[in-house]
Amino acid sequence: LLYGGGKRAVLKNPVNTGRMLKLLEIFPGAQFIFLIRNPVLVYLSAQKFFSALFPNVNLEHFTKDQISEMILDMYVMILKDYLADKKHLGPDKIIEIRYETLHENPMAELEKIFNKFSFSNFQDLKPVFMDFVDSQKAHQVDEYTMEKKELDHVMAKLAFAMKHWGYSQPPSSEVKVLDSQQKQKETAVGKAV
């Protein structure tokens, strides 16, 4: 940031979501793009990430339930901080983009961001963006499996966010929900759950 030669820095760090006002104290010209996605899917993505990361970096073992609760607690805290901070930001400082809309029409959403923040070079960068979008066409979005009990718990903890952004339980094409008997059957025959 200090040695960027005057270029705009783009930081993608979920923890910064909960500290926008502090960032504005340090960087008064900062602007924020908040990517909204179904909170259940964000939770599952974080769970996948941390479940893979923790065994490699921790000196102690954490159970799946411990990891899940840590994720939920932190995610709830970050979202509540975000919503509180957002009330103090001017409209020129923040834009919210829905993941589903970005996925369906990335170029239109990028242009919306450029227009919102009065960035002047969208047309110059459009070919670069289009090349990147084309390179991502083969990317497959993860599908998840979880028990009904866990889904109910997650949705209860994230109910405020689900309501605020108008989300409901993800469709079965994104999250396969198992009852505990299904999980036992699938685990017994060797399927990963």
Protein backbone atom coordinates (compact mmCIF):
# COMPACT_ATOMS: atom_id res chain seq x y z
CA LEU A 1 0.00 0.00 0.00
CA LEU A 2 2.82 2.36 0.80
CA TYR A 3 4.83 1.56 -2.31
CA GLY A 4 2.06 1.19 -4.89
CA GLY A 5 3.14 4.18 -6.90
CA GLY A 6 -0.24 5.86 -6.48
CA LYS A 7 -2.14 2.89 -7.89
CA ARG A 8 -5.37 1.81 -6.26
CA ALA A 9 -4.98 -1.23 -4.03
CA VAL A 10 -7.67 -3.92 -4.07
CA LEU A 11 -7.83 -5.99 -0.90
CA LYS A 12 -9.94 -9.14 -0.65
CA ASN A 13 -9.91 -9.99 3.02
CA PRO A 14 -13.20 -11.04 4.62
CA VAL A 15 -12.06 -9.79 8.03
CA ASN A 16 -11.93 -6.24 6.62
CA THR A 17 -15.69 -6.50 6.08
CA GLY A 18 -16.15 -5.81 9.78
CA ARG A 19 -13.77 -2.87 10.05
CA MET A 20 -14.64 -0.43 7.29
CA LEU A 21 -14.70 2.62 9.56
CA LYS A 22 -11.23 1.81 10.90
CA LEU A 23 -9.95 1.41 7.33
CA LEU A 24 -11.45 4.79 6.42
CA GLU A 25 -9.54 6.40 9.29
CA ILE A 26 -6.31 5.06 7.82
CA PHE A 27 -7.29 5.40 4.14
CA PRO A 28 -9.87 8.21 3.79
CA GLY A 29 -10.22 7.56 0.06
CA ALA A 30 -11.14 3.90 0.54
CA GLN A 31 -14.21 2.51 -1.19
CA PHE A 32 -15.84 -0.83 -0.50
CA ILE A 33 -17.40 -3.55 -2.62
CA PHE A 34 -19.47 -5.98 -0.58
CA LEU A 35 -20.22 -9.23 -2.37
CA ILE A 36 -23.47 -10.63 -1.02
CA ARG A 37 -23.98 -14.38 -1.19
CA ASN A 38 -26.35 -16.76 0.53
CA PRO A 39 -24.95 -16.87 4.10
CA VAL A 40 -25.38 -20.66 4.28
CA LEU A 41 -23.12 -21.06 1.24
CA VAL A 42 -20.57 -18.63 2.68
CA TYR A 43 -20.55 -20.67 5.90
CA LEU A 44 -20.07 -23.94 3.99
CA SER A 45 -17.27 -22.46 1.89
CA ALA A 46 -15.50 -21.21 5.03
CA GLN A 47 -16.00 -24.59 6.67
CA LYS A 48 -14.37 -26.34 3.70
CA PHE A 49 -11.47 -23.87 3.72
CA PHE A 50 -10.76 -24.05 7.47
CA SER A 51 -11.24 -27.81 7.65
CA ALA A 52 -8.47 -28.16 5.07
CA LEU A 53 -6.26 -25.44 6.58
CA PHE A 54 -6.36 -26.21 10.29
CA PRO A 55 -4.73 -29.67 10.24
CA ASN A 56 -1.72 -28.11 8.49
CA VAL A 57 -1.21 -25.08 10.72
CA ASN A 58 -2.58 -25.90 14.17
CA LEU A 59 -0.79 -27.66 16.98
CA GLU A 60 -4.02 -28.94 18.43
CA HIS A 61 -6.94 -30.82 16.93
CA PHE A 62 -10.28 -29.08 16.40
CA THR A 63 -13.44 -31.07 15.83
CA LYS A 64 -15.77 -30.28 12.96
CA ASP A 65 -18.25 -28.87 15.49
CA GLN A 66 -15.60 -26.58 17.01
CA ILE A 67 -14.61 -25.31 13.56
CA SER A 68 -18.26 -24.78 12.64
CA GLU A 69 -19.02 -22.79 15.77
CA MET A 70 -15.91 -20.66 15.34
CA ILE A 71 -16.93 -19.88 11.76
CA LEU A 72 -20.50 -19.04 12.74
CA ASP A 73 -19.46 -16.84 15.66
CA MET A 74 -16.92 -14.91 13.57
CA TYR A 75 -19.25 -14.62 10.56
CA VAL A 76 -22.10 -13.27 12.71
CA MET A 77 -19.73 -10.76 14.33
CA ILE A 78 -18.32 -9.62 10.99
CA LEU A 79 -21.77 -9.21 9.40
CA LYS A 80 -23.13 -7.27 12.38
CA ASP A 81 -20.07 -5.00 12.31
CA TYR A 82 -20.52 -4.54 8.56
CA LEU A 83 -24.17 -3.54 8.93
CA ALA A 84 -23.31 -1.12 11.76
CA ASP A 85 -20.41 0.46 9.83
CA LYS A 86 -22.42 0.71 6.62
CA LYS A 87 -24.87 3.11 8.28
CA HIS A 88 -22.01 5.62 8.63
CA LEU A 89 -20.76 5.41 5.04
CA GLY A 90 -21.79 7.79 2.30
CA PRO A 91 -23.25 6.30 -0.89
CA ASP A 92 -20.01 7.12 -2.72
CA LYS A 93 -18.09 4.76 -0.40
CA ILE A 94 -19.86 1.42 -0.84
CA ILE A 95 -21.60 -0.81 -3.33
CA GLU A 96 -23.25 -4.15 -2.68
CA ILE A 97 -23.13 -6.73 -5.46
CA ARG A 98 -25.07 -9.98 -5.35
CA TYR A 99 -22.96 -13.04 -6.12
CA GLU A 100 -25.72 -14.54 -8.26
CA THR A 101 -25.92 -11.41 -10.42
CA LEU A 102 -22.14 -11.22 -10.74
CA HIS A 103 -22.03 -14.88 -11.75
CA GLU A 104 -24.78 -14.41 -14.36
CA ASN A 105 -23.48 -11.19 -15.89
CA PRO A 106 -19.98 -10.30 -14.68
CA MET A 107 -19.27 -7.58 -17.23
CA ALA A 108 -22.42 -5.62 -16.37
CA GLU A 109 -21.62 -5.85 -12.65
CA LEU A 110 -18.03 -4.71 -13.19
CA GLU A 111 -19.27 -1.78 -15.22
CA LYS A 112 -21.75 -0.95 -12.43
CA ILE A 113 -18.83 -0.84 -9.96
CA PHE A 114 -16.77 1.38 -12.26
CA ASN A 115 -19.71 3.75 -12.76
CA LYS A 116 -20.56 3.85 -9.05
CA PHE A 117 -17.03 4.85 -8.08
CA SER A 118 -16.43 7.05 -11.16
CA PHE A 119 -13.52 4.96 -12.41
CA SER A 120 -12.93 6.24 -15.91
CA ASN A 121 -11.14 3.40 -17.68
CA PHE A 122 -13.71 0.58 -17.89
CA GLN A 123 -13.76 0.57 -21.70
CA ASP A 124 -9.95 0.37 -21.81
CA LEU A 125 -9.92 -2.56 -19.38
CA LYS A 126 -12.95 -4.36 -20.80
CA PRO A 127 -10.88 -6.68 -23.04
CA VAL A 128 -8.73 -7.71 -20.06
CA PHE A 129 -11.84 -8.38 -17.97
CA MET A 130 -13.45 -10.34 -20.81
CA ASP A 131 -10.35 -12.52 -21.19
CA PHE A 132 -10.42 -13.26 -17.47
CA VAL A 133 -14.15 -14.03 -17.47
CA ASP A 134 -13.64 -16.36 -20.44
CA SER A 135 -10.81 -18.13 -18.62
CA GLN A 136 -13.17 -18.88 -15.71
CA LYS A 137 -16.01 -20.46 -17.71
CA ALA A 138 -14.94 -24.00 -16.85
CA HIS A 139 -14.98 -23.25 -13.11
CA GLN A 140 -17.47 -25.41 -11.24
CA VAL A 141 -19.16 -24.02 -8.15
CA ASP A 142 -18.86 -26.35 -5.17
CA GLU A 143 -21.79 -28.47 -4.14
CA TYR A 144 -22.18 -29.22 -0.46
CA THR A 145 -23.74 -31.87 1.74
CA MET A 146 -24.86 -31.27 5.29
CA GLU A 147 -27.16 -32.78 7.87
CA LYS A 148 -30.57 -31.22 8.44
CA LYS A 149 -29.69 -30.59 12.10
CA GLU A 150 -26.61 -28.58 11.10
CA LEU A 151 -28.52 -26.66 8.43
CA ASP A 152 -31.22 -25.71 10.94
CA HIS A 153 -28.56 -24.52 13.40
CA VAL A 154 -26.72 -22.49 10.76
CA MET A 155 -29.91 -20.91 9.46
CA ALA A 156 -31.00 -19.98 12.99
CA LYS A 157 -27.64 -18.29 13.73
CA LEU A 158 -27.68 -16.46 10.39
CA ALA A 159 -31.40 -15.66 10.30
CA PHE A 160 -30.79 -11.90 10.59
CA ALA A 161 -28.52 -11.94 7.53
CA MET A 162 -30.78 -14.26 5.55
CA LYS A 163 -33.68 -11.86 6.18
CA HIS A 164 -31.66 -8.69 5.57
CA TRP A 165 -30.48 -9.80 2.10
CA GLY A 166 -33.56 -11.83 1.18
CA TYR A 167 -32.10 -15.32 1.17
CA SER A 168 -33.68 -18.64 2.07
CA GLN A 169 -32.43 -22.20 2.31
CA PRO A 170 -30.18 -22.91 -0.68
CA PRO A 171 -31.68 -25.21 -3.32
CA SER A 172 -30.79 -28.91 -3.30
CA SER A 173 -28.65 -28.33 -6.41
CA GLU A 174 -26.25 -26.38 -4.16
CA VAL A 175 -26.71 -28.08 -0.78
CA LYS A 176 -27.81 -31.66 -0.38
CA VAL A 177 -29.48 -31.98 3.01
CA LEU A 178 -29.33 -35.35 4.77
CA ASP A 179 -31.15 -36.58 7.79
CA SER A 180 -28.95 -38.45 10.28
CA GLN A 181 -30.11 -41.86 8.98
CA GLN A 182 -29.07 -40.97 5.42
CA LYS A 183 -25.65 -39.87 6.65
CA GLN A 184 -25.15 -43.15 8.52
CA LYS A 185 -26.13 -45.17 5.42
CA GLU A 186 -23.87 -43.20 3.09
CA THR A 187 -20.95 -43.30 5.49
CA ALA A 188 -21.41 -47.06 5.95
CA VAL A 189 -21.10 -47.69 2.21
CA GLY A 190 -18.06 -45.44 1.90
CA LYS A 191 -19.45 -42.25 0.39
CA ALA A 192 -17.86 -39.02 1.54
CA VAL A 193 -20.23 -36.79 3.45
